[in-house]
């Protein structure tokens, strides 16, 4: 969907290029994260793609078309753009902000209103409650959602996101990241996202491009491969310690070998060993022998990282693993987790 072919950007009077002969392919429907130290050219690369900055040399393709030769305004209408500061116009309502690009494209009012309401619902904001509000009446997280909706307004094939969650508190940021991944599962846009946060890159990216000086690609691969096998000392030092812990975010509990689980419906039933008490619908309630202590229950589709966090907080060496309906499918023990969880330097 997006291809950069030997793209460079040199500013007059500067000894080094901001971007030097960058070649990168972004597949249709994937999220590619640009990651690297400050000043390495991440944001410059993003602005080159939609020609907010003109390249000194090289070619940029969007869906097979060389866009270095098309009108830049027309190009930007085909690429959604989300920035850290959101950039909503304060004097315009939320509906007017979202409908800005469709209006410039000549859509009629009814079509714009329908699209605005559709997008507000898509990002989790009630159209009736938010359509007529102004940006100052929204929280930072809500404004960021509107920014995403605005970028999607004309249904562009690709989106560029420049640290979209960077200016938000950690709790809201994590919720927005989760909502963003849910949204991407529905819309499957091609997205290039800039961040300086390795944890965010690992969570959001289908692939990560780690950039060095002058936006030179030091490694371009899946998060799991980068954490397991850094390409060189630069990548290894940039990742730093904690690669094994970060890899736990990429593995689901259900991918690990689970222990057997004994299920009972009546707390009076005698059973050998540890058993899980379930309700009438078969959903896990608690360990049979534990009526007071919290029972760790994790879904099979949750990350191993989340399971570790839950077990540590409960100070329990074993968790009940359930399916999406809450029915037990096995157990995860601390010893099995240590033995089976992926580590840096190991391939699975």
Protein backbone atom coordinates (compact mmCIF):
# COMPACT_ATOMS: atom_id res chain seq x y z
CA UNK A 1 0.00 0.00 0.00
CA UNK A 2 2.86 2.39 0.84
CA UNK A 3 6.36 2.10 -0.62
CA UNK A 4 9.31 4.40 -0.11
CA UNK A 5 12.01 3.93 -2.73
CA UNK A 6 15.34 5.56 -1.88
CA UNK A 7 13.71 8.61 -0.32
CA UNK A 8 16.03 11.34 0.99
CA UNK A 9 15.54 14.75 2.54
CA UNK A 10 18.42 17.18 2.77
CA UNK A 11 18.07 20.69 4.17
CA UNK A 12 20.36 23.47 2.88
CA UNK A 13 23.32 24.14 5.12
CA UNK A 14 23.03 20.85 7.00
CA UNK A 15 26.00 18.47 6.95
CA UNK A 16 23.83 15.39 7.29
CA UNK A 17 20.58 14.40 5.65
CA UNK A 18 17.41 14.30 7.76
CA UNK A 19 16.45 11.15 5.84
CA UNK A 20 18.96 9.29 3.70
CA UNK A 21 17.91 6.88 0.92
CA UNK A 22 15.11 5.28 2.93
CA UNK A 23 13.40 2.30 1.33
CA UNK A 24 10.43 0.75 3.12
CA UNK A 25 7.40 -1.33 2.15
CA UNK A 26 4.17 -1.17 4.16
CA UNK A 27 1.71 -3.93 3.36
CA UNK A 28 -1.99 -3.41 2.90
CA UNK A 29 -3.87 -3.48 6.20
CA UNK A 30 -0.89 -3.61 8.56
CA UNK A 31 0.39 -1.26 11.25
CA UNK A 32 4.04 -0.35 10.80
CA UNK A 33 5.67 1.52 13.68
CA UNK A 34 8.63 3.85 13.14
CA UNK A 35 10.77 3.69 16.25
CA UNK A 36 14.10 5.27 17.08
CA UNK A 37 15.92 7.88 19.15
CA UNK A 38 14.93 11.54 19.06
CA UNK A 39 16.07 13.33 15.94
CA UNK A 40 16.48 10.19 13.84
CA UNK A 41 13.92 11.29 11.22
CA UNK A 42 10.74 9.46 12.26
CA UNK A 43 8.36 12.42 11.97
CA UNK A 44 10.18 13.74 8.90
CA UNK A 45 9.57 10.37 7.22
CA UNK A 46 5.88 10.58 8.09
CA UNK A 47 5.61 14.08 6.62
CA UNK A 48 7.43 12.98 3.48
CA UNK A 49 4.83 10.28 2.84
CA UNK A 50 1.99 12.79 2.51
CA UNK A 51 4.33 15.51 1.18
CA UNK A 52 3.94 18.01 3.96
CA UNK A 53 7.69 18.01 3.30
CA UNK A 54 8.91 17.50 -0.26
CA UNK A 55 11.59 14.82 -0.72
CA UNK A 56 14.96 15.85 -2.11
CA UNK A 57 15.15 12.59 -4.04
CA UNK A 58 13.51 9.19 -4.29
CA UNK A 59 9.95 8.10 -4.98
CA UNK A 60 6.90 7.42 -2.82
CA UNK A 61 4.13 5.09 -3.92
CA UNK A 62 0.57 4.84 -2.60
CA UNK A 63 -1.31 1.76 -3.77
CA UNK A 64 1.07 1.44 -6.72
CA UNK A 65 0.89 5.10 -7.82
CA UNK A 66 3.93 7.36 -7.71
CA UNK A 67 2.55 10.18 -5.55
CA UNK A 68 5.63 12.37 -5.88
CA UNK A 69 4.09 13.45 -9.18
CA UNK A 70 0.52 14.21 -8.09
CA UNK A 71 -1.05 17.31 -6.55
CA UNK A 72 -0.08 17.25 -2.83
CA UNK A 73 -3.49 18.52 -1.67
CA UNK A 74 -5.23 15.68 -3.50
CA UNK A 75 -2.73 13.23 -2.00
CA UNK A 76 -3.43 14.40 1.57
CA UNK A 77 -7.13 13.80 1.08
CA UNK A 78 -6.28 10.16 0.42
CA UNK A 79 -4.20 9.78 3.59
CA UNK A 80 -5.59 10.29 7.09
CA UNK A 81 -3.28 12.16 9.47
CA UNK A 82 -3.38 12.07 13.28
CA UNK A 83 -0.96 14.07 15.43
CA UNK A 84 -0.14 14.10 19.14
CA UNK A 85 -1.75 17.51 19.74
CA UNK A 86 -4.89 16.31 17.87
CA UNK A 87 -5.17 19.63 15.99
CA UNK A 88 -8.94 20.08 16.20
CA UNK A 89 -10.19 23.52 15.24
CA UNK A 90 -11.46 25.09 18.50
CA UNK A 91 -14.08 27.31 16.82
CA UNK A 92 -15.71 24.37 15.04
CA UNK A 93 -18.07 21.75 16.47
CA UNK A 94 -17.03 18.12 16.63
CA UNK A 95 -19.28 17.38 13.64
CA UNK A 96 -17.70 20.20 11.63
CA UNK A 97 -14.19 19.05 12.52
CA UNK A 98 -14.89 15.49 11.37
CA UNK A 99 -16.71 16.62 8.26
CA UNK A 100 -13.96 19.01 7.12
CA UNK A 101 -12.37 16.82 4.42
CA UNK A 102 -15.69 15.49 3.06
CA UNK A 103 -16.83 19.11 2.66
CA UNK A 104 -13.72 19.96 0.65
CA UNK A 105 -14.47 16.92 -1.52
CA UNK A 106 -17.94 18.26 -2.28
CA UNK A 107 -20.04 15.76 -0.31
CA UNK A 108 -23.64 16.84 0.31
CA UNK A 109 -24.79 17.68 3.84
CA UNK A 110 -26.82 14.51 4.35
CA UNK A 111 -23.91 12.27 3.36
CA UNK A 112 -21.56 14.20 5.65
CA UNK A 113 -23.93 13.99 8.61
CA UNK A 114 -24.37 10.25 8.10
CA UNK A 115 -20.60 9.76 7.91
CA UNK A 116 -19.98 11.89 11.02
CA UNK A 117 -22.49 9.91 13.08
CA UNK A 118 -21.09 6.62 11.77
CA UNK A 119 -17.55 7.59 12.76
CA UNK A 120 -18.51 8.90 16.20
CA UNK A 121 -20.17 5.57 16.93
CA UNK A 122 -17.12 3.75 15.57
CA UNK A 123 -14.77 5.52 18.02
CA UNK A 124 -17.15 5.04 20.94
CA UNK A 125 -18.75 8.50 21.20
CA UNK A 126 -22.53 8.94 21.14
CA UNK A 127 -23.36 11.19 18.14
CA UNK A 128 -26.34 12.76 19.89
CA UNK A 129 -24.17 13.74 22.86
CA UNK A 130 -21.01 14.85 21.05
CA UNK A 131 -21.96 16.09 17.58
CA UNK A 132 -22.65 19.69 18.66
CA UNK A 133 -19.94 20.03 21.29
CA UNK A 134 -16.71 21.96 20.87
CA UNK A 135 -13.21 20.52 21.45
CA UNK A 136 -12.73 22.40 24.73
CA UNK A 137 -15.73 20.50 26.16
CA UNK A 138 -14.02 17.13 25.64
CA UNK A 139 -11.31 15.35 27.61
CA UNK A 140 -7.92 14.70 26.03
CA UNK A 141 -8.82 11.10 25.33
CA UNK A 142 -12.13 12.07 23.74
CA UNK A 143 -10.37 14.67 21.57
CA UNK A 144 -7.93 12.00 20.42
CA UNK A 145 -10.84 9.77 19.40
CA UNK A 146 -12.31 12.65 17.39
CA UNK A 147 -8.91 13.14 15.76
CA UNK A 148 -8.96 9.51 14.61
CA UNK A 149 -12.55 9.91 13.37
CA UNK A 150 -11.55 13.00 11.38
CA UNK A 151 -8.64 11.12 9.80
CA UNK A 152 -11.07 8.39 8.71
CA UNK A 153 -13.74 10.76 7.41
CA UNK A 154 -13.10 10.32 3.67
CA UNK A 155 -12.33 6.60 4.13
CA UNK A 156 -8.66 6.91 3.10
CA UNK A 157 -6.74 3.73 2.26
CA UNK A 158 -3.88 4.75 4.56
CA UNK A 159 -3.34 6.65 7.80
CA UNK A 160 -0.31 8.36 9.31
CA UNK A 161 -0.16 8.76 13.09
CA UNK A 162 2.50 10.88 14.82
CA UNK A 163 2.71 9.88 18.50
CA UNK A 164 -1.10 9.88 18.71
CA UNK A 165 -1.21 8.78 22.37
CA UNK A 166 1.90 10.54 23.64
CA UNK A 167 0.26 13.50 25.41
CA UNK A 168 -2.24 11.42 27.39
CA UNK A 169 -1.95 10.00 30.91
CA UNK A 170 -0.83 6.33 31.13
CA UNK A 171 -4.22 4.86 32.09
CA UNK A 172 -6.12 6.67 29.32
CA UNK A 173 -3.31 5.89 26.88
CA UNK A 174 -3.60 2.15 27.47
CA UNK A 175 -7.38 2.27 27.07
CA UNK A 176 -7.05 4.23 23.83
CA UNK A 177 -4.45 1.78 22.54
CA UNK A 178 -6.84 -1.10 23.22
CA UNK A 179 -9.70 0.78 21.55
CA UNK A 180 -7.46 1.58 18.60
CA UNK A 181 -6.57 -2.10 18.11
CA UNK A 182 -10.26 -3.04 18.30
CA UNK A 183 -11.01 -0.36 15.71
CA UNK A 184 -8.20 -1.55 13.43
CA UNK A 185 -9.60 -5.09 13.59
CA UNK A 186 -12.79 -3.68 12.05
CA UNK A 187 -11.43 -1.24 9.47
CA UNK A 188 -8.06 -2.84 8.50
CA UNK A 189 -6.40 0.38 7.38
CA UNK A 190 -2.75 0.62 6.36
CA UNK A 191 -1.13 2.64 9.14
CA UNK A 192 2.32 4.12 9.69
CA UNK A 193 2.70 5.19 13.31
CA UNK A 194 5.53 7.09 14.95
CA UNK A 195 6.34 6.57 18.61
CA UNK A 196 9.34 6.79 20.92
CA UNK A 197 7.82 4.21 23.29
CA UNK A 198 9.06 0.64 22.75
CA UNK A 199 6.22 -0.85 24.81
CA UNK A 200 3.67 0.94 22.62
CA UNK A 201 5.46 -0.17 19.47
CA UNK A 202 5.42 -3.80 20.58
CA UNK A 203 1.75 -3.62 21.49
CA UNK A 204 0.49 -1.86 18.34
CA UNK A 205 2.84 -2.81 15.54
CA UNK A 206 2.50 -5.68 13.10
CA UNK A 207 6.06 -4.73 12.13
CA UNK A 208 8.53 -2.28 13.61
CA UNK A 209 11.15 -0.28 11.70
CA UNK A 210 13.93 0.74 14.07
CA UNK A 211 15.62 3.79 12.59
CA UNK A 212 19.09 5.08 13.31
CA UNK A 213 20.73 8.33 12.31
CA UNK A 214 19.40 9.85 9.06
CA UNK A 215 16.43 7.46 9.26
CA UNK A 216 18.56 4.51 8.20
CA UNK A 217 16.75 1.24 8.84
CA UNK A 218 18.66 -0.82 11.40
CA UNK A 219 16.03 -3.55 11.67
CA UNK A 220 12.58 -4.06 10.13
CA UNK A 221 10.69 -7.05 11.42
CA UNK A 222 7.91 -8.27 13.68
CA UNK A 223 8.02 -7.19 17.34
CA UNK A 224 8.66 -10.79 18.40
CA UNK A 225 11.61 -11.21 16.03
CA UNK A 226 13.17 -7.89 17.05
CA UNK A 227 12.92 -8.69 20.76
CA UNK A 228 14.22 -12.21 20.24
CA UNK A 229 17.06 -11.41 17.86
CA UNK A 230 18.21 -7.77 17.67
CA UNK A 231 20.03 -7.21 14.38
CA UNK A 232 23.02 -5.38 15.89
CA UNK A 233 24.35 -3.62 18.96
CA UNK A 234 22.44 -0.44 18.13
CA UNK A 235 19.10 -2.28 18.15
CA UNK A 236 20.04 -4.27 21.26
CA UNK A 237 21.00 -1.13 23.16
CA UNK A 238 17.87 0.68 22.02
CA UNK A 239 15.67 -2.18 23.23
CA UNK A 240 17.61 -2.31 26.47
CA UNK A 241 16.81 -4.67 29.32
CA UNK A 242 13.40 -6.26 29.76
CA UNK A 243 13.07 -7.87 26.32
CA UNK A 244 11.89 -11.14 27.87
CA UNK A 245 9.14 -9.33 29.79
CA UNK A 246 8.04 -7.40 26.69
CA UNK A 247 7.76 -10.63 24.70
CA UNK A 248 5.13 -11.81 27.19
CA UNK A 249 2.78 -9.19 25.72
CA UNK A 250 2.96 -10.95 22.35
CA UNK A 251 2.05 -14.44 23.53
CA UNK A 252 -1.48 -15.44 24.51
CA UNK A 253 -2.19 -17.65 27.51
CA UNK A 254 -3.95 -20.15 25.24
CA UNK A 255 -0.74 -20.64 23.23
CA UNK A 256 0.97 -22.15 26.28
CA UNK A 257 0.49 -25.76 27.41
CA UNK A 258 -2.25 -25.62 30.04
CA UNK A 259 -2.69 -27.93 32.97
CA UNK A 260 -5.88 -29.97 33.50
CA UNK A 261 -8.76 -28.46 35.42
CA UNK A 262 -11.26 -30.23 37.67
CA UNK A 263 -14.73 -28.63 37.62
CA UNK A 264 -17.47 -28.98 40.25
CA UNK A 265 -20.90 -27.39 40.54
CA UNK A 266 -21.64 -28.17 44.18
CA UNK A 267 -19.23 -26.85 46.82
CA UNK A 268 -20.11 -29.87 48.96
CA UNK A 269 -18.79 -32.34 46.39
CA UNK A 270 -15.62 -34.12 47.56
CA UNK A 271 -12.86 -34.03 44.92
CA UNK A 272 -9.20 -34.99 45.07
CA UNK A 273 -6.78 -32.12 44.52
CA UNK A 274 -7.65 -28.58 43.52
CA UNK A 275 -10.94 -27.94 41.72
CA UNK A 276 -12.82 -24.96 40.28
CA UNK A 277 -16.34 -24.16 41.39
CA UNK A 278 -18.60 -23.11 38.50
CA UNK A 279 -22.09 -21.66 38.31
CA UNK A 280 -25.11 -23.15 36.56
CA UNK A 281 -23.83 -21.97 33.17
CA UNK A 282 -20.42 -23.50 33.72
CA UNK A 283 -18.63 -20.18 34.34
CA UNK A 284 -15.73 -20.18 36.78
CA UNK A 285 -16.44 -18.72 40.22
CA UNK A 286 -13.44 -19.59 42.42
CA UNK A 287 -11.16 -22.32 43.60
CA UNK A 288 -13.29 -24.76 45.58
CA UNK A 289 -11.17 -24.64 48.74
CA UNK A 290 -10.88 -20.83 48.68
CA UNK A 291 -13.98 -18.91 49.70
CA UNK A 292 -12.17 -15.77 50.84
CA UNK A 293 -8.93 -15.46 48.90
CA UNK A 294 -9.22 -13.98 45.41
CA UNK A 295 -9.05 -16.51 42.59
CA UNK A 296 -6.98 -15.58 39.55
CA UNK A 297 -9.07 -16.01 36.41
CA UNK A 298 -7.56 -15.15 33.01
CA UNK A 299 -8.95 -15.61 29.52
CA UNK A 300 -7.14 -17.80 27.02
CA UNK A 301 -6.96 -14.85 24.61
CA UNK A 302 -5.25 -12.55 27.13
CA UNK A 303 -1.52 -11.99 26.98
CA UNK A 304 0.89 -13.93 29.17
CA UNK A 305 2.00 -10.53 30.51
CA UNK A 306 -1.53 -9.89 31.82
CA UNK A 307 -1.62 -13.35 33.39
CA UNK A 308 1.70 -12.75 35.17
CA UNK A 309 0.45 -9.39 36.45
CA UNK A 310 -2.78 -10.93 37.79
CA UNK A 311 -0.94 -13.82 39.51
CA UNK A 312 1.57 -11.48 41.14
CA UNK A 313 -1.14 -9.14 42.42
CA UNK A 314 -3.10 -12.06 43.89
CA UNK A 315 0.07 -13.79 45.14
CA UNK A 316 -1.24 -17.07 43.72
CA UNK A 317 0.91 -19.65 41.93
CA UNK A 318 -1.90 -20.90 39.70
CA UNK A 319 -4.58 -19.27 37.56
CA UNK A 320 -7.82 -20.60 36.14
CA UNK A 321 -7.87 -20.16 32.35
CA UNK A 322 -11.31 -19.64 30.82
CA UNK A 323 -12.71 -19.24 27.31
CA UNK A 324 -14.54 -16.14 26.05
CA UNK A 325 -17.71 -17.34 27.81
CA UNK A 326 -15.96 -17.70 31.17
CA UNK A 327 -15.87 -21.51 31.18
CA UNK A 328 -12.68 -23.18 32.46
CA UNK A 329 -10.43 -24.70 29.80
CA UNK A 330 -7.34 -25.37 31.92
CA UNK A 331 -4.94 -23.99 34.47
CA UNK A 332 -1.72 -22.00 34.23
CA UNK A 333 0.85 -22.60 36.95
CA UNK A 334 3.80 -20.40 37.80
CA UNK A 335 6.22 -23.27 37.14
CA UNK A 336 4.70 -23.92 33.69
CA UNK A 337 4.85 -20.22 32.93
CA UNK A 338 8.56 -20.03 33.78
CA UNK A 339 9.22 -23.18 31.75
CA UNK A 340 7.14 -22.41 28.65
CA UNK A 341 6.96 -18.60 28.27
CA UNK A 342 9.05 -17.20 25.36
CA UNK A 343 12.31 -15.53 26.26
CA UNK A 344 14.51 -13.09 24.41
CA UNK A 345 16.79 -14.99 22.07
CA UNK A 346 14.39 -17.90 21.72
CA UNK A 347 12.14 -18.48 18.70
CA UNK A 348 8.73 -20.05 19.05
